[in-house]
Amino acid sequence: MGEIVNLRQVRKQKARAEKERQAGENRALHGRSKAEKTRDRLISDKAENFVAGHRRERPEDQDD
């Protein structure tokens, strides 16, 4: 026979693990110095501009 599992406890453990994962992400995003945030923002902007500059079709102004 298989192992008996309490579904309520499993569900709560899964919720706790998800909250801990989210907390880790928040610590990584918000627990940084101003210089680190600025550096990451500049890197992101540079990558976005690079991709936008290499598109074949330019988005046209849509005044419709």
PDB file of N, CA and C in Angstrom:
ATOM      1  N   MET A   1       0.834  -1.177   0.000  1.00  0.00           N
ATOM      2  CA  MET A   1       0.000   0.000   0.000  1.00  0.00           C
ATOM      3  C   MET A   1       0.880   1.242   0.000  1.00  0.00           C
ATOM      4  N   GLY A   2       0.326   2.318  -0.540  1.00  0.00           N
ATOM      5  CA  GLY A   2       1.076   3.563  -0.622  1.00  0.00           C
ATOM      6  C   GLY A   2       1.071   4.322   0.688  1.00  0.00           C
ATOM      7  N   GLU A   3       1.835   5.379   0.690  1.00  0.00           N
ATOM      8  CA  GLU A   3       1.941   6.216   1.888  1.00  0.00           C
ATOM      9  C   GLU A   3       0.682   7.070   2.025  1.00  0.00           C
ATOM     10  N   ILE A   4       0.179   7.197   3.228  1.00  0.00           N
ATOM     11  CA  ILE A   4      -1.009   8.008   3.488  1.00  0.00           C
ATOM     12  C   ILE A   4      -0.571   9.470   3.560  1.00  0.00           C
ATOM     13  N   VAL A   5      -1.276  10.319   2.805  1.00  0.00           N
ATOM     14  CA  VAL A   5      -0.914  11.728   2.719  1.00  0.00           C
ATOM     15  C   VAL A   5      -2.118  12.568   3.119  1.00  0.00           C
ATOM     16  N   ASN A   6      -1.892  13.511   4.016  1.00  0.00           N
ATOM     17  CA  ASN A   6      -2.930  14.443   4.402  1.00  0.00           C
ATOM     18  C   ASN A   6      -2.900  15.595   3.387  1.00  0.00           C
ATOM     19  N   LEU A   7      -3.922  15.680   2.563  1.00  0.00           N
ATOM     20  CA  LEU A   7      -3.938  16.662   1.485  1.00  0.00           C
ATOM     21  C   LEU A   7      -3.940  18.096   2.001  1.00  0.00           C
ATOM     22  N   ARG A   8      -4.557  18.331   3.135  1.00  0.00           N
ATOM     23  CA  ARG A   8      -4.577  19.669   3.709  1.00  0.00           C
ATOM     24  C   ARG A   8      -3.159  20.114   4.063  1.00  0.00           C
ATOM     25  N   GLN A   9      -2.387  19.209   4.684  1.00  0.00           N
ATOM     26  CA  GLN A   9      -1.013  19.552   5.051  1.00  0.00           C
ATOM     27  C   GLN A   9      -0.147  19.766   3.810  1.00  0.00           C
ATOM     28  N   VAL A  10      -0.345  18.955   2.798  1.00  0.00           N
ATOM     29  CA  VAL A  10       0.429  19.105   1.564  1.00  0.00           C
ATOM     30  C   VAL A  10       0.125  20.448   0.929  1.00  0.00           C
ATOM     31  N   ARG A  11      -1.160  20.818   0.912  1.00  0.00           N
ATOM     32  CA  ARG A  11      -1.556  22.100   0.329  1.00  0.00           C
ATOM     33  C   ARG A  11      -0.923  23.256   1.098  1.00  0.00           C
ATOM     34  N   LYS A  12      -0.912  23.170   2.422  1.00  0.00           N
ATOM     35  CA  LYS A  12      -0.304  24.232   3.228  1.00  0.00           C
ATOM     36  C   LYS A  12       1.208  24.293   3.019  1.00  0.00           C
ATOM     37  N   GLN A  13       1.858  23.148   2.905  1.00  0.00           N
ATOM     38  CA  GLN A  13       3.301  23.132   2.657  1.00  0.00           C
ATOM     39  C   GLN A  13       3.621  23.766   1.307  1.00  0.00           C
ATOM     40  N   LYS A  14       2.794  23.487   0.319  1.00  0.00           N
ATOM     41  CA  LYS A  14       2.996  24.062  -1.006  1.00  0.00           C
ATOM     42  C   LYS A  14       2.830  25.579  -0.951  1.00  0.00           C
ATOM     43  N   ALA A  15       1.816  26.056  -0.215  1.00  0.00           N
ATOM     44  CA  ALA A  15       1.589  27.499  -0.076  1.00  0.00           C
ATOM     45  C   ALA A  15       2.765  28.158   0.644  1.00  0.00           C
ATOM     46  N   ARG A  16       3.291  27.506   1.685  1.00  0.00           N
ATOM     47  CA  ARG A  16       4.437  28.062   2.407  1.00  0.00           C
ATOM     48  C   ARG A  16       5.658  28.152   1.504  1.00  0.00           C
ATOM     49  N   ALA A  17       5.884  27.126   0.705  1.00  0.00           N
ATOM     50  CA  ALA A  17       7.031  27.119  -0.197  1.00  0.00           C
ATOM     51  C   ALA A  17       6.892  28.238  -1.232  1.00  0.00           C
ATOM     52  N   GLU A  18       5.693  28.450  -1.735  1.00  0.00           N
ATOM     53  CA  GLU A  18       5.454  29.515  -2.713  1.00  0.00           C
ATOM     54  C   GLU A  18       5.692  30.893  -2.080  1.00  0.00           C
ATOM     55  N   LYS A  19       5.222  31.077  -0.852  1.00  0.00           N
ATOM     56  CA  LYS A  19       5.450  32.355  -0.163  1.00  0.00           C
ATOM     57  C   LYS A  19       6.936  32.589   0.070  1.00  0.00           C
ATOM     58  N   GLU A  20       7.674  31.538   0.422  1.00  0.00           N
ATOM     59  CA  GLU A  20       9.108  31.671   0.655  1.00  0.00           C
ATOM     60  C   GLU A  20       9.825  32.013  -0.651  1.00  0.00           C
ATOM     61  N   ARG A  21       9.402  31.407  -1.757  1.00  0.00           N
ATOM     62  CA  ARG A  21      10.002  31.706  -3.060  1.00  0.00           C
ATOM     63  C   ARG A  21       9.752  33.170  -3.426  1.00  0.00           C
ATOM     64  N   GLN A  22       8.516  33.635  -3.221  1.00  0.00           N
ATOM     65  CA  GLN A  22       8.172  35.024  -3.521  1.00  0.00           C
ATOM     66  C   GLN A  22       8.963  35.981  -2.633  1.00  0.00           C
ATOM     67  N   ALA A  23       9.131  35.622  -1.373  1.00  0.00           N
ATOM     68  CA  ALA A  23       9.907  36.462  -0.461  1.00  0.00           C
ATOM     69  C   ALA A  23      11.355  36.555  -0.916  1.00  0.00           C
ATOM     70  N   GLY A  24      11.898  35.452  -1.396  1.00  0.00           N
ATOM     71  CA  GLY A  24      13.271  35.463  -1.904  1.00  0.00           C
ATOM     72  C   GLY A  24      13.416  36.374  -3.107  1.00  0.00           C
ATOM     73  N   GLU A  25      12.443  36.324  -4.010  1.00  0.00           N
ATOM     74  CA  GLU A  25      12.468  37.214  -5.171  1.00  0.00           C
ATOM     75  C   GLU A  25      12.384  38.673  -4.735  1.00  0.00           C
ATOM     76  N   ASN A  26      11.501  38.959  -3.782  1.00  0.00           N
ATOM     77  CA  ASN A  26      11.354  40.338  -3.312  1.00  0.00           C
ATOM     78  C   ASN A  26      12.635  40.826  -2.637  1.00  0.00           C
ATOM     79  N   ARG A  27      13.286  39.957  -1.880  1.00  0.00           N
ATOM     80  CA  ARG A  27      14.547  40.353  -1.244  1.00  0.00           C
ATOM     81  C   ARG A  27      15.590  40.673  -2.306  1.00  0.00           C
ATOM     82  N   ALA A  28      15.604  39.877  -3.365  1.00  0.00           N
ATOM     83  CA  ALA A  28      16.587  40.111  -4.425  1.00  0.00           C
ATOM     84  C   ALA A  28      16.291  41.406  -5.170  1.00  0.00           C
ATOM     85  N   LEU A  29      15.013  41.710  -5.396  1.00  0.00           N
ATOM     86  CA  LEU A  29      14.657  42.909  -6.159  1.00  0.00           C
ATOM     87  C   LEU A  29      14.738  44.185  -5.334  1.00  0.00           C
ATOM     88  N   HIS A  30      14.262  44.142  -4.107  1.00  0.00           N
ATOM     89  CA  HIS A  30      14.111  45.371  -3.332  1.00  0.00           C
ATOM     90  C   HIS A  30      15.212  45.570  -2.300  1.00  0.00           C
ATOM     91  N   GLY A  31      16.005  44.580  -2.059  1.00  0.00           N
ATOM     92  CA  GLY A  31      17.068  44.711  -1.066  1.00  0.00           C
ATOM     93  C   GLY A  31      18.385  45.084  -1.709  1.00  0.00           C
ATOM     94  N   ARG A  32      18.359  46.060  -2.602  1.00  0.00           N
ATOM     95  CA  ARG A  32      19.564  46.450  -3.323  1.00  0.00           C
ATOM     96  C   ARG A  32      19.845  47.929  -3.123  1.00  0.00           C
ATOM     97  N   SER A  33      21.086  48.294  -3.350  1.00  0.00           N
ATOM     98  CA  SER A  33      21.448  49.704  -3.220  1.00  0.00           C
ATOM     99  C   SER A  33      20.969  50.472  -4.447  1.00  0.00           C
ATOM    100  N   LYS A  34      20.983  51.779  -4.337  1.00  0.00           N
ATOM    101  CA  LYS A  34      20.557  52.630  -5.446  1.00  0.00           C
ATOM    102  C   LYS A  34      21.459  52.423  -6.665  1.00  0.00           C
ATOM    103  N   ALA A  35      22.739  52.248  -6.441  1.00  0.00           N
ATOM    104  CA  ALA A  35      23.683  52.040  -7.549  1.00  0.00           C
ATOM    105  C   ALA A  35      23.369  50.739  -8.287  1.00  0.00           C
ATOM    106  N   GLU A  36      23.045  49.692  -7.532  1.00  0.00           N
ATOM    107  CA  GLU A  36      22.708  48.418  -8.166  1.00  0.00           C
ATOM    108  C   GLU A  36      21.426  48.524  -8.984  1.00  0.00           C
ATOM    109  N   LYS A  37      20.429  49.218  -8.437  1.00  0.00           N
ATOM    110  CA  LYS A  37      19.169  49.403  -9.160  1.00  0.00           C
ATOM    111  C   LYS A  37      19.393  50.197 -10.446  1.00  0.00           C
ATOM    112  N   THR A  38      20.198  51.252 -10.361  1.00  0.00           N
ATOM    113  CA  THR A  38      20.487  52.079 -11.529  1.00  0.00           C
ATOM    114  C   THR A  38      21.230  51.278 -12.591  1.00  0.00           C
ATOM    115  N   ARG A  39      22.212  50.499 -12.150  1.00  0.00           N
ATOM    116  CA  ARG A  39      22.974  49.674 -13.085  1.00  0.00           C
ATOM    117  C   ARG A  39      22.057  48.679 -13.805  1.00  0.00           C
ATOM    118  N   ASP A  40      21.194  48.005 -13.064  1.00  0.00           N
ATOM    119  CA  ASP A  40      20.291  47.031 -13.675  1.00  0.00           C
ATOM    120  C   ASP A  40      19.308  47.700 -14.625  1.00  0.00           C
ATOM    121  N   ARG A  41      18.831  48.897 -14.256  1.00  0.00           N
ATOM    122  CA  ARG A  41      17.909  49.626 -15.123  1.00  0.00           C
ATOM    123  C   ARG A  41      18.601  50.021 -16.428  1.00  0.00           C
ATOM    124  N   LEU A  42      19.849  50.479 -16.339  1.00  0.00           N
ATOM    125  CA  LEU A  42      20.601  50.857 -17.543  1.00  0.00           C
ATOM    126  C   LEU A  42      20.864  49.646 -18.440  1.00  0.00           C
ATOM    127  N   ILE A  43      21.196  48.520 -17.856  1.00  0.00           N
ATOM    128  CA  ILE A  43      21.432  47.300 -18.638  1.00  0.00           C
ATOM    129  C   ILE A  43      20.153  46.874 -19.343  1.00  0.00           C
ATOM    130  N   SER A  44      19.045  46.948 -18.630  1.00  0.00           N
ATOM    131  CA  SER A  44      17.752  46.567 -19.210  1.00  0.00           C
ATOM    132  C   SER A  44      17.382  47.504 -20.358  1.00  0.00           C
ATOM    133  N   ASP A  45      17.556  48.801 -20.152  1.00  0.00           N
ATOM    134  CA  ASP A  45      17.249  49.776 -21.202  1.00  0.00           C
ATOM    135  C   ASP A  45      18.134  49.568 -22.429  1.00  0.00           C
ATOM    136  N   LYS A  46      19.402  49.284 -22.207  1.00  0.00           N
ATOM    137  CA  LYS A  46      20.326  49.074 -23.315  1.00  0.00           C
ATOM    138  C   LYS A  46      19.919  47.843 -24.125  1.00  0.00           C
ATOM    139  N   ALA A  47      19.527  46.775 -23.450  1.00  0.00           N
ATOM    140  CA  ALA A  47      19.102  45.559 -24.147  1.00  0.00           C
ATOM    141  C   ALA A  47      17.810  45.808 -24.917  1.00  0.00           C
ATOM    142  N   GLU A  48      16.893  46.554 -24.320  1.00  0.00           N
ATOM    143  CA  GLU A  48      15.622  46.865 -24.989  1.00  0.00           C
ATOM    144  C   GLU A  48      15.859  47.716 -26.235  1.00  0.00           C
ATOM    145  N   ASN A  49      16.732  48.702 -26.140  1.00  0.00           N
ATOM    146  CA  ASN A  49      17.054  49.550 -27.286  1.00  0.00           C
ATOM    147  C   ASN A  49      17.768  48.767 -28.383  1.00  0.00           C
ATOM    148  N   PHE A  50      18.609  47.830 -27.985  1.00  0.00           N
ATOM    149  CA  PHE A  50      19.307  46.998 -28.956  1.00  0.00           C
ATOM    150  C   PHE A  50      18.316  46.177 -29.770  1.00  0.00           C
ATOM    151  N   VAL A  51      17.372  45.551 -29.083  1.00  0.00           N
ATOM    152  CA  VAL A  51      16.363  44.738 -29.769  1.00  0.00           C
ATOM    153  C   VAL A  51      15.480  45.626 -30.647  1.00  0.00           C
ATOM    154  N   ALA A  52      15.081  46.774 -30.128  1.00  0.00           N
ATOM    155  CA  ALA A  52      14.217  47.679 -30.894  1.00  0.00           C
ATOM    156  C   ALA A  52      14.936  48.195 -32.141  1.00  0.00           C
ATOM    157  N   GLY A  53      16.213  48.410 -32.051  1.00  0.00           N
ATOM    158  CA  GLY A  53      16.974  48.912 -33.178  1.00  0.00           C
ATOM    159  C   GLY A  53      17.211  47.876 -34.265  1.00  0.00           C
ATOM    160  N   HIS A  54      17.027  46.616 -33.957  1.00  0.00           N
ATOM    161  CA  HIS A  54      17.274  45.561 -34.924  1.00  0.00           C
ATOM    162  C   HIS A  54      15.991  44.940 -35.470  1.00  0.00           C
ATOM    163  N   ARG A  55      14.874  45.572 -35.209  1.00  0.00           N
ATOM    164  CA  ARG A  55      13.614  45.074 -35.762  1.00  0.00           C
ATOM    165  C   ARG A  55      13.559  45.404 -37.238  1.00  0.00           C
ATOM    166  N   ARG A  56      12.935  44.527 -37.995  1.00  0.00           N
ATOM    167  CA  ARG A  56      12.824  44.762 -39.433  1.00  0.00           C
ATOM    168  C   ARG A  56      11.795  45.833 -39.733  1.00  0.00           C
ATOM    169  N   GLU A  57      10.689  45.811 -39.045  1.00  0.00           N
ATOM    170  CA  GLU A  57       9.634  46.794 -39.257  1.00  0.00           C
ATOM    171  C   GLU A  57       9.557  47.720 -38.054  1.00  0.00           C
ATOM    172  N   ARG A  58       9.504  48.965 -38.319  1.00  0.00           N
ATOM    173  CA  ARG A  58       9.395  49.934 -37.239  1.00  0.00           C
ATOM    174  C   ARG A  58       7.908  50.131 -36.910  1.00  0.00           C
ATOM    175  N   PRO A  59       7.584  50.190 -35.637  1.00  0.00           N
ATOM    176  CA  PRO A  59       6.174  50.461 -35.302  1.00  0.00           C
ATOM    177  C   PRO A  59       5.802  51.873 -35.721  1.00  0.00           C
ATOM    178  N   GLU A  60       4.718  51.984 -36.456  1.00  0.00           N
ATOM    179  CA  GLU A  60       4.276  53.291 -36.932  1.00  0.00           C
ATOM    180  C   GLU A  60       3.342  53.923 -35.915  1.00  0.00           C
ATOM    181  N   ASP A  61       3.279  55.234 -35.939  1.00  0.00           N
ATOM    182  CA  ASP A  61       2.354  55.935 -35.047  1.00  0.00           C
ATOM    183  C   ASP A  61       0.934  55.600 -35.468  1.00  0.00           C
ATOM    184  N   GLN A  62       0.170  55.150 -34.516  1.00  0.00           N
ATOM    185  CA  GLN A  62      -1.214  54.793 -34.811  1.00  0.00           C
ATOM    186  C   GLN A  62      -2.120  55.845 -34.209  1.00  0.00           C
ATOM    187  N   ASP A  63      -2.631  56.713 -35.075  1.00  0.00           N
ATOM    188  CA  ASP A  63      -3.519  57.794 -34.632  1.00  0.00           C
ATOM    189  C   ASP A  63      -4.972  57.451 -34.876  1.00  0.00           C
ATOM    190  N   ASP A  64      -5.267  56.189 -35.098  1.00  0.00           N
ATOM    191  CA  ASP A  64      -6.638  55.767 -35.407  1.00  0.00           C
ATOM    192  C   ASP A  64      -7.557  55.939 -34.240  1.00  0.00           C
TER     193      ASP A  64
END
